Amino acid sequence: MRWEREDGFAVLACVSSAGRVRLLGADVALFTHDVATTLRTGGETVTSYEQETIVFRRTAHGWIAEHEHLSPRQG
């Protein structure tokens, strides 16, 4: 990828914590967790703290992720 070659982009670590699952009826589930991601780009290393929510839907073939959302958090 260009951003890896030219900018030195790399994900160095990604830590998930405080995972929670909430069922909404028989066919929808929400998964939320806190995510700390450390990456390098342009010679700088930064860590971002976010809360991620993923909406899953049950299908005939199993659970599939339909939507993902990240919100910033304080570190």
N, C-alpha and C. Protein backbone atom coordinates (compact mmCIF):
# COMPACT_ATOMS: atom_id res chain seq x y z
N MET A 1 0.82 -1.18 0.00
CA MET A 1 0.00 0.00 0.00
C MET A 1 0.88 1.26 0.00
N ARG A 2 0.41 2.29 -0.68
CA ARG A 2 1.19 3.51 -0.81
C ARG A 2 1.49 4.12 0.55
N TRP A 3 0.49 4.22 1.45
CA TRP A 3 0.72 4.89 2.73
C TRP A 3 1.70 4.10 3.61
N GLU A 4 1.80 2.80 3.40
CA GLU A 4 2.80 2.03 4.13
C GLU A 4 4.20 2.31 3.59
N ARG A 5 4.33 2.30 2.28
CA ARG A 5 5.63 2.55 1.63
C ARG A 5 6.10 3.99 1.84
N GLU A 6 5.25 4.95 1.53
CA GLU A 6 5.67 6.35 1.51
C GLU A 6 5.63 7.02 2.88
N ASP A 7 4.65 6.69 3.70
CA ASP A 7 4.49 7.35 4.99
C ASP A 7 4.98 6.52 6.16
N GLY A 8 5.35 5.25 5.90
CA GLY A 8 5.78 4.38 6.98
C GLY A 8 4.64 3.99 7.92
N PHE A 9 3.40 4.02 7.41
CA PHE A 9 2.24 3.70 8.25
C PHE A 9 2.30 2.26 8.70
N ALA A 10 2.08 2.04 10.01
CA ALA A 10 2.01 0.69 10.56
C ALA A 10 1.20 0.73 11.86
N VAL A 11 0.34 -0.25 12.03
CA VAL A 11 -0.35 -0.42 13.31
C VAL A 11 0.59 -1.24 14.20
N LEU A 12 0.98 -0.67 15.33
CA LEU A 12 1.93 -1.32 16.22
C LEU A 12 1.24 -2.15 17.30
N ALA A 13 0.06 -1.72 17.72
CA ALA A 13 -0.70 -2.46 18.74
C ALA A 13 -2.16 -2.03 18.69
N CYS A 14 -3.02 -2.95 19.05
CA CYS A 14 -4.44 -2.67 19.15
C CYS A 14 -4.98 -3.51 20.30
N VAL A 15 -5.40 -2.84 21.38
CA VAL A 15 -5.83 -3.54 22.59
C VAL A 15 -7.31 -3.27 22.83
N SER A 16 -8.07 -4.34 22.96
CA SER A 16 -9.50 -4.26 23.24
C SER A 16 -9.74 -4.55 24.71
N SER A 17 -10.65 -3.77 25.33
CA SER A 17 -11.00 -4.02 26.72
C SER A 17 -12.47 -3.66 26.95
N ALA A 18 -13.01 -4.11 28.07
CA ALA A 18 -14.37 -3.78 28.49
C ALA A 18 -15.42 -4.17 27.45
N GLY A 19 -15.25 -5.34 26.84
CA GLY A 19 -16.20 -5.81 25.84
C GLY A 19 -17.56 -6.13 26.45
N ARG A 20 -18.61 -5.75 25.73
CA ARG A 20 -19.98 -5.99 26.18
C ARG A 20 -20.83 -6.41 24.97
N VAL A 21 -21.73 -7.37 25.19
CA VAL A 21 -22.67 -7.79 24.15
C VAL A 21 -24.08 -7.55 24.68
N ARG A 22 -24.91 -6.96 23.84
CA ARG A 22 -26.32 -6.70 24.20
C ARG A 22 -27.19 -7.24 23.08
N LEU A 23 -28.08 -8.16 23.44
CA LEU A 23 -29.01 -8.72 22.45
C LEU A 23 -30.24 -7.83 22.35
N LEU A 24 -30.66 -7.56 21.12
CA LEU A 24 -31.86 -6.77 20.85
C LEU A 24 -32.81 -7.68 20.08
N GLY A 25 -33.60 -8.45 20.80
CA GLY A 25 -34.45 -9.45 20.17
C GLY A 25 -33.62 -10.67 19.81
N ALA A 26 -34.14 -11.46 18.89
CA ALA A 26 -33.47 -12.71 18.52
C ALA A 26 -32.46 -12.55 17.38
N ASP A 27 -32.54 -11.44 16.64
CA ASP A 27 -31.75 -11.35 15.41
C ASP A 27 -30.79 -10.18 15.33
N VAL A 28 -30.68 -9.37 16.38
CA VAL A 28 -29.78 -8.23 16.37
C VAL A 28 -28.98 -8.21 17.67
N ALA A 29 -27.69 -7.93 17.56
CA ALA A 29 -26.84 -7.82 18.75
C ALA A 29 -25.90 -6.64 18.57
N LEU A 30 -25.58 -5.99 19.69
CA LEU A 30 -24.61 -4.90 19.71
C LEU A 30 -23.38 -5.37 20.48
N PHE A 31 -22.23 -5.15 19.91
CA PHE A 31 -20.96 -5.41 20.61
C PHE A 31 -20.27 -4.07 20.78
N THR A 32 -19.94 -3.72 22.02
CA THR A 32 -19.19 -2.49 22.27
C THR A 32 -17.95 -2.83 23.06
N HIS A 33 -16.88 -2.07 22.80
CA HIS A 33 -15.64 -2.25 23.56
C HIS A 33 -14.80 -1.00 23.43
N ASP A 34 -13.84 -0.88 24.33
CA ASP A 34 -12.87 0.21 24.28
C ASP A 34 -11.66 -0.29 23.51
N VAL A 35 -11.09 0.58 22.69
CA VAL A 35 -9.96 0.20 21.84
C VAL A 35 -8.84 1.24 22.00
N ALA A 36 -7.64 0.75 22.27
CA ALA A 36 -6.44 1.60 22.28
C ALA A 36 -5.57 1.15 21.12
N THR A 37 -5.37 2.02 20.14
CA THR A 37 -4.61 1.68 18.95
C THR A 37 -3.35 2.55 18.88
N THR A 38 -2.20 1.90 18.78
CA THR A 38 -0.94 2.61 18.63
C THR A 38 -0.46 2.39 17.20
N LEU A 39 -0.19 3.52 16.52
CA LEU A 39 0.28 3.42 15.13
C LEU A 39 1.43 4.38 14.88
N ARG A 40 2.12 4.09 13.79
CA ARG A 40 3.23 4.94 13.37
C ARG A 40 2.92 5.45 11.97
N THR A 41 3.11 6.75 11.78
CA THR A 41 2.96 7.34 10.45
C THR A 41 3.83 8.60 10.40
N GLY A 42 4.48 8.80 9.28
CA GLY A 42 5.33 9.98 9.12
C GLY A 42 6.42 10.08 10.18
N GLY A 43 6.89 8.92 10.69
CA GLY A 43 7.94 8.93 11.70
C GLY A 43 7.46 9.21 13.11
N GLU A 44 6.16 9.41 13.30
CA GLU A 44 5.59 9.71 14.62
C GLU A 44 4.75 8.53 15.09
N THR A 45 4.85 8.22 16.39
CA THR A 45 4.03 7.18 16.99
C THR A 45 2.95 7.84 17.83
N VAL A 46 1.71 7.43 17.61
CA VAL A 46 0.57 8.00 18.33
C VAL A 46 -0.35 6.87 18.81
N THR A 47 -1.05 7.14 19.91
CA THR A 47 -2.04 6.21 20.42
C THR A 47 -3.39 6.91 20.45
N SER A 48 -4.40 6.24 19.91
CA SER A 48 -5.76 6.78 19.95
C SER A 48 -6.60 5.88 20.84
N TYR A 49 -7.55 6.50 21.51
CA TYR A 49 -8.46 5.79 22.41
C TYR A 49 -9.88 6.01 21.90
N GLU A 50 -10.57 4.90 21.61
CA GLU A 50 -11.90 4.99 21.03
C GLU A 50 -12.82 3.95 21.65
N GLN A 51 -14.12 4.20 21.51
CA GLN A 51 -15.11 3.18 21.81
C GLN A 51 -15.68 2.74 20.48
N GLU A 52 -15.73 1.44 20.27
CA GLU A 52 -16.26 0.90 19.03
C GLU A 52 -17.57 0.20 19.31
N THR A 53 -18.53 0.40 18.42
CA THR A 53 -19.81 -0.31 18.46
C THR A 53 -19.98 -1.02 17.13
N ILE A 54 -20.31 -2.30 17.19
CA ILE A 54 -20.58 -3.07 15.98
C ILE A 54 -21.98 -3.67 16.11
N VAL A 55 -22.79 -3.46 15.08
CA VAL A 55 -24.14 -4.02 15.03
C VAL A 55 -24.08 -5.31 14.21
N PHE A 56 -24.54 -6.40 14.81
CA PHE A 56 -24.59 -7.70 14.14
C PHE A 56 -26.04 -8.08 13.87
N ARG A 57 -26.25 -8.80 12.77
CA ARG A 57 -27.57 -9.31 12.42
C ARG A 57 -27.45 -10.80 12.13
N ARG A 58 -28.41 -11.57 12.68
CA ARG A 58 -28.42 -13.01 12.43
C ARG A 58 -29.00 -13.28 11.05
N THR A 59 -28.33 -14.10 10.28
CA THR A 59 -28.81 -14.50 8.95
C THR A 59 -28.89 -16.02 8.91
N ALA A 60 -29.33 -16.53 7.80
CA ALA A 60 -29.39 -17.99 7.63
C ALA A 60 -27.99 -18.61 7.67
N HIS A 61 -26.96 -17.80 7.45
CA HIS A 61 -25.58 -18.30 7.43
C HIS A 61 -24.80 -17.94 8.70
N GLY A 62 -25.47 -17.35 9.70
CA GLY A 62 -24.81 -16.98 10.95
C GLY A 62 -24.88 -15.48 11.16
N TRP A 63 -24.15 -15.01 12.14
CA TRP A 63 -24.14 -13.58 12.48
C TRP A 63 -23.20 -12.83 11.55
N ILE A 64 -23.65 -11.69 11.02
CA ILE A 64 -22.79 -10.85 10.19
C ILE A 64 -22.77 -9.43 10.77
N ALA A 65 -21.64 -8.77 10.63
CA ALA A 65 -21.52 -7.38 11.06
C ALA A 65 -22.14 -6.50 9.98
N GLU A 66 -23.07 -5.63 10.39
CA GLU A 66 -23.74 -4.75 9.44
C GLU A 66 -23.26 -3.32 9.52
N HIS A 67 -22.79 -2.90 10.70
CA HIS A 67 -22.39 -1.51 10.87
C HIS A 67 -21.34 -1.42 11.98
N GLU A 68 -20.37 -0.54 11.78
CA GLU A 68 -19.32 -0.31 12.77
C GLU A 68 -19.19 1.19 12.97
N HIS A 69 -19.02 1.58 14.23
CA HIS A 69 -18.86 3.01 14.53
C HIS A 69 -17.79 3.18 15.60
N LEU A 70 -16.90 4.15 15.39
CA LEU A 70 -15.87 4.48 16.37
C LEU A 70 -16.11 5.89 16.90
N SER A 71 -16.04 6.04 18.21
CA SER A 71 -16.17 7.35 18.85
C SER A 71 -14.91 7.61 19.67
N PRO A 72 -14.36 8.84 19.60
CA PRO A 72 -13.16 9.15 20.38
C PRO A 72 -13.42 9.09 21.88
N ARG A 73 -12.40 8.69 22.62
CA ARG A 73 -12.44 8.66 24.08
C ARG A 73 -11.19 9.34 24.62
N GLN A 74 -11.24 9.70 25.88
CA GLN A 74 -10.05 10.22 26.55
C GLN A 74 -9.18 9.05 26.97
N GLY A 75 -7.85 9.19 26.91
CA GLY A 75 -6.92 8.11 27.26
C GLY A 75 -6.81 7.86 28.71
